[in-house]
Amino acid sequence: MTEKIEEKITKSEAEWKKQLTPEQYHVTREAGTECAFTGAHWNNHEPGVYHCVCCGAPLFDSQTKFNSGTGWPSFYKPTESGGVVEHRDTKFGMVRTEVRCAKCDAHLGHVFEDGPQPTGLRYCMNSAALDFRAAEKK
């Protein structure tokens, strides 16, 4: 079985700035962070899938979302499609694991080892990096 490798999306700074709001650009392209309890998705409980705001890749299913009490959307695992990659982040004098979109390299947030089972992980994401698409009602 051959694994399908998707082509990376690359755009100029000007192209990203034209496509994204200033907050989306700051978070996804400059590795910024939105203020806790201010993003559109931290308290969303609707069924659906969270996609990358930059390229539309599926990242997290609402079934893996949980209330972490942090004020940011939190998930215990990404989608099965491998939509995220992790990198060591040593900014601000601490060691964290940064989470980026595998397809366009957008900064999404960080992952921590204090989440619920079955993974024990907390993918703490920025709402500004996510585009929520509600599940179709049956």
N, C-alpha and C. Protein backbone atom coordinates (compact mmCIF):
# COMPACT_ATOMS: atom_id res chain seq x y z
N MET A 1 0.85 -1.19 0.00
CA MET A 1 0.00 0.00 0.00
C MET A 1 0.89 1.25 0.00
N THR A 2 0.61 2.15 -0.88
CA THR A 2 1.37 3.39 -0.96
C THR A 2 0.62 4.50 -0.26
N GLU A 3 1.35 5.23 0.56
CA GLU A 3 0.73 6.34 1.29
C GLU A 3 0.65 7.55 0.38
N LYS A 4 -0.51 8.18 0.36
CA LYS A 4 -0.70 9.37 -0.46
C LYS A 4 -0.02 10.55 0.22
N ILE A 5 0.85 11.21 -0.50
CA ILE A 5 1.53 12.38 0.04
C ILE A 5 0.97 13.61 -0.66
N GLU A 6 0.36 14.49 0.12
CA GLU A 6 -0.21 15.70 -0.44
C GLU A 6 0.87 16.75 -0.64
N GLU A 7 0.70 17.52 -1.67
CA GLU A 7 1.64 18.58 -1.96
C GLU A 7 1.47 19.71 -0.95
N LYS A 8 2.59 20.23 -0.48
CA LYS A 8 2.57 21.36 0.46
C LYS A 8 2.05 22.61 -0.24
N ILE A 9 1.33 23.42 0.52
CA ILE A 9 0.83 24.70 0.02
C ILE A 9 1.78 25.78 0.51
N THR A 10 2.31 26.55 -0.41
CA THR A 10 3.15 27.68 -0.04
C THR A 10 2.63 28.92 -0.75
N LYS A 11 2.57 30.01 -0.01
CA LYS A 11 2.12 31.29 -0.55
C LYS A 11 3.04 32.37 -0.02
N SER A 12 3.05 33.49 -0.71
CA SER A 12 3.85 34.63 -0.25
C SER A 12 3.16 35.27 0.95
N GLU A 13 3.91 36.08 1.67
CA GLU A 13 3.36 36.82 2.81
C GLU A 13 2.16 37.66 2.36
N ALA A 14 2.29 38.31 1.21
CA ALA A 14 1.21 39.15 0.68
C ALA A 14 -0.04 38.33 0.37
N GLU A 15 0.14 37.13 -0.17
CA GLU A 15 -1.01 36.27 -0.48
C GLU A 15 -1.72 35.84 0.79
N TRP A 16 -0.95 35.47 1.83
CA TRP A 16 -1.57 35.09 3.10
C TRP A 16 -2.31 36.28 3.72
N LYS A 17 -1.70 37.46 3.68
CA LYS A 17 -2.33 38.66 4.26
C LYS A 17 -3.63 39.01 3.54
N LYS A 18 -3.69 38.77 2.24
CA LYS A 18 -4.90 39.05 1.48
C LYS A 18 -6.01 38.06 1.83
N GLN A 19 -5.65 36.80 2.10
CA GLN A 19 -6.61 35.74 2.37
C GLN A 19 -7.14 35.75 3.81
N LEU A 20 -6.31 36.12 4.77
CA LEU A 20 -6.63 35.98 6.18
C LEU A 20 -6.94 37.32 6.84
N THR A 21 -7.71 37.26 7.94
CA THR A 21 -7.91 38.45 8.75
C THR A 21 -6.58 38.76 9.46
N PRO A 22 -6.41 39.98 9.99
CA PRO A 22 -5.16 40.27 10.72
C PRO A 22 -4.90 39.29 11.87
N GLU A 23 -5.94 38.92 12.61
CA GLU A 23 -5.75 37.97 13.73
C GLU A 23 -5.37 36.59 13.21
N GLN A 24 -6.05 36.11 12.18
CA GLN A 24 -5.71 34.81 11.60
C GLN A 24 -4.27 34.79 11.10
N TYR A 25 -3.86 35.88 10.46
CA TYR A 25 -2.49 35.97 9.96
C TYR A 25 -1.49 35.94 11.11
N HIS A 26 -1.75 36.74 12.14
CA HIS A 26 -0.84 36.79 13.29
C HIS A 26 -0.68 35.41 13.94
N VAL A 27 -1.79 34.71 14.14
CA VAL A 27 -1.73 33.40 14.79
C VAL A 27 -1.08 32.36 13.89
N THR A 28 -1.55 32.23 12.65
CA THR A 28 -1.11 31.13 11.79
C THR A 28 0.24 31.34 11.11
N ARG A 29 0.55 32.57 10.74
CA ARG A 29 1.78 32.81 9.98
C ARG A 29 2.90 33.37 10.84
N GLU A 30 2.55 33.99 12.01
CA GLU A 30 3.56 34.56 12.90
C GLU A 30 3.63 33.82 14.24
N ALA A 31 2.94 32.69 14.35
CA ALA A 31 2.92 31.86 15.56
C ALA A 31 2.43 32.63 16.78
N GLY A 32 1.41 33.45 16.57
CA GLY A 32 0.82 34.20 17.67
C GLY A 32 -0.16 33.36 18.46
N THR A 33 -0.73 33.97 19.50
CA THR A 33 -1.73 33.31 20.33
C THR A 33 -2.86 34.30 20.62
N GLU A 34 -4.08 33.84 20.46
CA GLU A 34 -5.23 34.69 20.81
C GLU A 34 -5.43 34.65 22.32
N CYS A 35 -6.11 35.62 22.85
CA CYS A 35 -6.42 35.66 24.28
C CYS A 35 -7.38 34.53 24.64
N ALA A 36 -7.18 33.95 25.81
CA ALA A 36 -8.06 32.88 26.29
C ALA A 36 -9.50 33.37 26.40
N PHE A 37 -10.44 32.50 26.16
CA PHE A 37 -11.88 32.74 26.28
C PHE A 37 -12.40 33.80 25.31
N THR A 38 -11.66 34.09 24.24
CA THR A 38 -12.11 35.10 23.28
C THR A 38 -12.40 34.53 21.89
N GLY A 39 -11.84 33.37 21.59
CA GLY A 39 -11.98 32.79 20.25
C GLY A 39 -13.37 32.24 19.99
N ALA A 40 -13.70 32.10 18.72
CA ALA A 40 -15.02 31.65 18.30
C ALA A 40 -15.32 30.20 18.66
N HIS A 41 -14.31 29.37 18.86
CA HIS A 41 -14.57 27.93 19.00
C HIS A 41 -14.31 27.34 20.38
N TRP A 42 -13.81 28.10 21.33
CA TRP A 42 -13.45 27.50 22.62
C TRP A 42 -14.66 26.88 23.32
N ASN A 43 -15.85 27.45 23.11
CA ASN A 43 -17.05 26.96 23.79
C ASN A 43 -18.05 26.36 22.80
N ASN A 44 -17.61 25.99 21.62
CA ASN A 44 -18.49 25.38 20.62
C ASN A 44 -18.69 23.90 20.95
N HIS A 45 -19.94 23.47 21.00
CA HIS A 45 -20.23 22.07 21.33
C HIS A 45 -20.98 21.37 20.20
N GLU A 46 -21.02 21.98 19.02
CA GLU A 46 -21.72 21.39 17.88
C GLU A 46 -20.89 20.27 17.25
N PRO A 47 -21.56 19.25 16.69
CA PRO A 47 -20.82 18.19 15.97
C PRO A 47 -20.31 18.70 14.63
N GLY A 48 -19.10 18.30 14.29
CA GLY A 48 -18.51 18.70 13.02
C GLY A 48 -17.02 18.50 13.03
N VAL A 49 -16.35 19.12 12.06
CA VAL A 49 -14.91 18.97 11.90
C VAL A 49 -14.26 20.36 11.85
N TYR A 50 -13.12 20.48 12.51
CA TYR A 50 -12.35 21.71 12.52
C TYR A 50 -11.26 21.58 11.44
N HIS A 51 -11.24 22.55 10.53
CA HIS A 51 -10.29 22.56 9.41
C HIS A 51 -9.30 23.70 9.58
N CYS A 52 -8.18 23.61 8.88
CA CYS A 52 -7.19 24.69 8.87
C CYS A 52 -7.79 25.91 8.18
N VAL A 53 -7.72 27.07 8.81
CA VAL A 53 -8.27 28.30 8.24
C VAL A 53 -7.49 28.75 7.01
N CYS A 54 -6.25 28.30 6.88
CA CYS A 54 -5.41 28.70 5.75
C CYS A 54 -5.63 27.84 4.50
N CYS A 55 -5.70 26.53 4.68
CA CYS A 55 -5.75 25.65 3.50
C CYS A 55 -6.95 24.71 3.46
N GLY A 56 -7.74 24.65 4.53
CA GLY A 56 -8.93 23.81 4.54
C GLY A 56 -8.71 22.36 4.90
N ALA A 57 -7.49 21.96 5.26
CA ALA A 57 -7.22 20.57 5.63
C ALA A 57 -7.98 20.22 6.91
N PRO A 58 -8.59 19.02 6.97
CA PRO A 58 -9.27 18.59 8.21
C PRO A 58 -8.23 18.30 9.30
N LEU A 59 -8.47 18.84 10.49
CA LEU A 59 -7.50 18.73 11.57
C LEU A 59 -8.02 17.99 12.80
N PHE A 60 -9.23 18.36 13.27
CA PHE A 60 -9.77 17.78 14.49
C PHE A 60 -11.26 17.53 14.35
N ASP A 61 -11.72 16.41 14.86
CA ASP A 61 -13.14 16.07 14.87
C ASP A 61 -13.72 16.52 16.21
N SER A 62 -14.94 17.05 16.18
CA SER A 62 -15.57 17.53 17.42
C SER A 62 -15.75 16.42 18.45
N GLN A 63 -15.76 15.16 18.02
CA GLN A 63 -15.91 14.05 18.97
C GLN A 63 -14.70 13.92 19.89
N THR A 64 -13.56 14.53 19.51
CA THR A 64 -12.37 14.47 20.35
C THR A 64 -12.15 15.77 21.13
N LYS A 65 -13.10 16.69 21.05
CA LYS A 65 -12.99 17.98 21.74
C LYS A 65 -13.45 17.81 23.19
N PHE A 66 -12.80 18.50 24.10
CA PHE A 66 -13.20 18.45 25.51
C PHE A 66 -12.98 19.81 26.15
N ASN A 67 -13.64 20.05 27.27
CA ASN A 67 -13.51 21.31 27.99
C ASN A 67 -12.30 21.21 28.91
N SER A 68 -11.21 21.88 28.53
CA SER A 68 -9.98 21.84 29.31
C SER A 68 -9.94 22.91 30.40
N GLY A 69 -10.89 23.87 30.31
CA GLY A 69 -10.90 24.98 31.27
C GLY A 69 -9.87 26.05 30.96
N THR A 70 -9.17 25.93 29.83
CA THR A 70 -8.10 26.87 29.49
C THR A 70 -8.59 28.07 28.69
N GLY A 71 -9.76 27.97 28.05
CA GLY A 71 -10.26 29.06 27.22
C GLY A 71 -9.87 28.95 25.76
N TRP A 72 -9.24 27.84 25.39
CA TRP A 72 -8.92 27.56 23.98
C TRP A 72 -9.55 26.23 23.61
N PRO A 73 -9.92 26.05 22.33
CA PRO A 73 -10.44 24.74 21.92
C PRO A 73 -9.38 23.67 22.18
N SER A 74 -9.79 22.58 22.83
CA SER A 74 -8.85 21.52 23.18
C SER A 74 -9.39 20.17 22.69
N PHE A 75 -8.48 19.36 22.18
CA PHE A 75 -8.81 18.06 21.61
C PHE A 75 -7.82 17.04 22.14
N TYR A 76 -8.25 15.76 22.25
CA TYR A 76 -7.30 14.76 22.73
C TYR A 76 -6.58 14.04 21.61
N LYS A 77 -6.99 14.27 20.34
CA LYS A 77 -6.22 13.73 19.21
C LYS A 77 -6.66 14.41 17.92
N PRO A 78 -5.74 14.48 16.94
CA PRO A 78 -6.09 15.03 15.63
C PRO A 78 -6.84 13.99 14.79
N THR A 79 -7.31 14.41 13.62
CA THR A 79 -7.99 13.47 12.73
C THR A 79 -7.02 12.38 12.29
N GLU A 80 -7.59 11.29 11.81
CA GLU A 80 -6.79 10.15 11.35
C GLU A 80 -5.99 10.48 10.10
N SER A 81 -6.34 11.54 9.39
CA SER A 81 -5.69 11.87 8.12
C SER A 81 -4.28 12.43 8.27
N GLY A 82 -3.80 12.58 9.50
CA GLY A 82 -2.45 13.10 9.70
C GLY A 82 -2.31 14.56 9.34
N GLY A 83 -3.31 15.35 9.69
CA GLY A 83 -3.33 16.75 9.30
C GLY A 83 -2.40 17.66 10.06
N VAL A 84 -1.78 17.17 11.14
CA VAL A 84 -0.90 18.04 11.92
C VAL A 84 0.49 17.43 12.05
N VAL A 85 1.46 18.32 12.25
CA VAL A 85 2.84 17.92 12.56
C VAL A 85 3.25 18.65 13.83
N GLU A 86 4.19 18.07 14.56
CA GLU A 86 4.63 18.65 15.83
C GLU A 86 6.09 19.02 15.76
N HIS A 87 6.44 20.15 16.39
CA HIS A 87 7.81 20.65 16.43
C HIS A 87 8.16 21.10 17.84
N ARG A 88 9.39 20.93 18.24
CA ARG A 88 9.88 21.41 19.53
C ARG A 88 9.93 22.94 19.49
N ASP A 89 9.37 23.58 20.50
CA ASP A 89 9.30 25.04 20.59
C ASP A 89 10.00 25.46 21.89
N THR A 90 11.08 26.24 21.78
CA THR A 90 11.81 26.68 22.96
C THR A 90 11.73 28.19 23.18
N LYS A 91 10.74 28.84 22.53
CA LYS A 91 10.55 30.28 22.73
C LYS A 91 10.09 30.57 24.15
N PHE A 92 10.33 31.75 24.60
CA PHE A 92 9.86 32.25 25.91
C PHE A 92 10.43 31.48 27.09
N GLY A 93 11.61 30.87 26.92
CA GLY A 93 12.29 30.21 28.02
C GLY A 93 11.65 28.93 28.52
N MET A 94 10.81 28.31 27.70
CA MET A 94 10.20 27.04 28.10
C MET A 94 10.23 26.09 26.91
N VAL A 95 10.09 24.80 27.19
CA VAL A 95 10.05 23.80 26.13
C VAL A 95 8.62 23.32 25.97
N ARG A 96 8.09 23.51 24.76
CA ARG A 96 6.73 23.06 24.46
C ARG A 96 6.77 22.34 23.12
N THR A 97 5.66 21.71 22.78
CA THR A 97 5.54 21.07 21.47
C THR A 97 4.53 21.86 20.66
N GLU A 98 5.01 22.52 19.62
CA GLU A 98 4.16 23.31 18.74
C GLU A 98 3.45 22.39 17.76
N VAL A 99 2.21 22.74 17.43
CA VAL A 99 1.42 21.98 16.46
C VAL A 99 1.19 22.86 15.24
N ARG A 100 1.51 22.32 14.06
CA ARG A 100 1.33 23.03 12.79
C ARG A 100 0.52 22.18 11.83
N CYS A 101 -0.11 22.83 10.86
CA CYS A 101 -0.81 22.13 9.80
C CYS A 101 0.22 21.45 8.91
N ALA A 102 0.02 20.17 8.63
CA ALA A 102 0.97 19.41 7.81
C ALA A 102 0.96 19.88 6.36
N LYS A 103 -0.14 20.45 5.92
CA LYS A 103 -0.28 20.83 4.51
C LYS A 103 0.27 22.22 4.19
N CYS A 104 0.07 23.20 5.09
CA CYS A 104 0.49 24.58 4.78
C CYS A 104 1.40 25.20 5.83
N ASP A 105 1.74 24.44 6.87
CA ASP A 105 2.65 24.89 7.92
C ASP A 105 2.09 26.00 8.79
N ALA A 106 0.77 26.14 8.85
CA ALA A 106 0.15 27.14 9.72
C ALA A 106 0.34 26.76 11.18
N HIS A 107 0.70 27.74 12.00
CA HIS A 107 0.77 27.52 13.46
C HIS A 107 -0.66 27.38 13.97
N LEU A 108 -0.91 26.31 14.73
CA LEU A 108 -2.25 26.05 15.27
C LEU A 108 -2.31 26.25 16.78
N GLY A 109 -1.26 25.86 17.47
CA GLY A 109 -1.23 25.92 18.93
C GLY A 109 -0.14 25.01 19.46
N HIS A 110 -0.38 24.39 20.61
CA HIS A 110 0.59 23.50 21.24
C HIS A 110 -0.11 22.26 21.78
N VAL A 111 0.65 21.19 21.98
CA VAL A 111 0.11 19.97 22.58
C VAL A 111 0.83 19.73 23.91
N PHE A 112 0.04 19.33 24.91
CA PHE A 112 0.54 19.10 26.26
C PHE A 112 0.14 17.70 26.71
N GLU A 113 0.86 17.17 27.68
CA GLU A 113 0.61 15.81 28.15
C GLU A 113 -0.27 15.78 29.39
N ASP A 114 -1.30 16.63 29.43
CA ASP A 114 -2.20 16.66 30.58
C ASP A 114 -3.66 16.52 30.15
N GLY A 115 -3.89 15.83 29.07
CA GLY A 115 -5.25 15.65 28.55
C GLY A 115 -5.91 14.38 29.06
N PRO A 116 -7.15 14.17 28.64
CA PRO A 116 -7.90 12.99 29.09
C PRO A 116 -7.49 11.73 28.32
N GLN A 117 -7.94 10.62 28.82
CA GLN A 117 -7.76 9.36 28.10
C GLN A 117 -8.70 9.35 26.90
N PRO A 118 -8.43 8.69 25.82
CA PRO A 118 -7.48 7.59 25.74
C PRO A 118 -6.04 7.99 25.41
N THR A 119 -5.75 9.25 25.10
CA THR A 119 -4.39 9.61 24.68
C THR A 119 -3.58 10.28 25.77
N GLY A 120 -4.25 10.96 26.71
CA GLY A 120 -3.54 11.73 27.73
C GLY A 120 -2.98 13.03 27.19
N LEU A 121 -3.39 13.40 25.96
CA LEU A 121 -2.87 14.62 25.33
C LEU A 121 -3.93 15.70 25.28
N ARG A 122 -3.44 16.96 25.30
CA ARG A 122 -4.32 18.12 25.15
C ARG A 122 -3.78 18.98 24.01
N TYR A 123 -4.42 18.88 22.86
CA TYR A 123 -4.08 19.74 21.73
C TYR A 123 -4.81 21.06 21.95
N CYS A 124 -4.09 22.05 22.42
CA CYS A 124 -4.64 23.35 22.78
C CYS A 124 -4.47 24.28 21.57
N MET A 125 -5.56 24.52 20.85
CA MET A 125 -5.51 25.21 19.56
C MET A 125 -6.08 26.63 19.66
N ASN A 126 -5.70 27.46 18.72
CA ASN A 126 -6.25 28.80 18.61
C ASN A 126 -7.48 28.77 17.70
N SER A 127 -8.58 29.36 18.14
CA SER A 127 -9.78 29.44 17.30
C SER A 127 -9.48 30.12 15.97
N ALA A 128 -8.60 31.13 16.00
CA ALA A 128 -8.28 31.89 14.79
C ALA A 128 -7.62 31.03 13.72
N ALA A 129 -7.07 29.88 14.11
CA ALA A 129 -6.43 28.97 13.15
C ALA A 129 -7.39 27.93 12.60
N LEU A 130 -8.61 27.91 13.14
CA LEU A 130 -9.56 26.84 12.79
C LEU A 130 -10.80 27.37 12.08
N ASP A 131 -11.28 26.58 11.14
CA ASP A 131 -12.53 26.83 10.43
C ASP A 131 -13.45 25.66 10.76
N PHE A 132 -14.50 25.90 11.53
CA PHE A 132 -15.42 24.82 11.94
C PHE A 132 -16.46 24.61 10.85
N ARG A 133 -16.64 23.36 10.49
CA ARG A 133 -17.68 22.98 9.53
C ARG A 133 -18.61 21.99 10.22
N ALA A 134 -19.85 22.44 10.45
CA ALA A 134 -20.83 21.63 11.17
C ALA A 134 -21.17 20.37 10.40
N ALA A 135 -21.45 19.31 11.14
CA ALA A 135 -21.89 18.06 10.51
C ALA A 135 -23.28 18.27 9.91
N GLU A 136 -23.53 17.58 8.84
CA GLU A 136 -24.86 17.68 8.21
C GLU A 136 -25.89 17.03 9.11
N LYS A 137 -27.00 17.72 9.28
CA LYS A 137 -28.07 17.18 10.13
C LYS A 137 -28.82 16.10 9.35
N LYS A 138 -29.13 15.00 10.05
CA LYS A 138 -29.82 13.88 9.39
C LYS A 138 -31.30 13.96 9.54
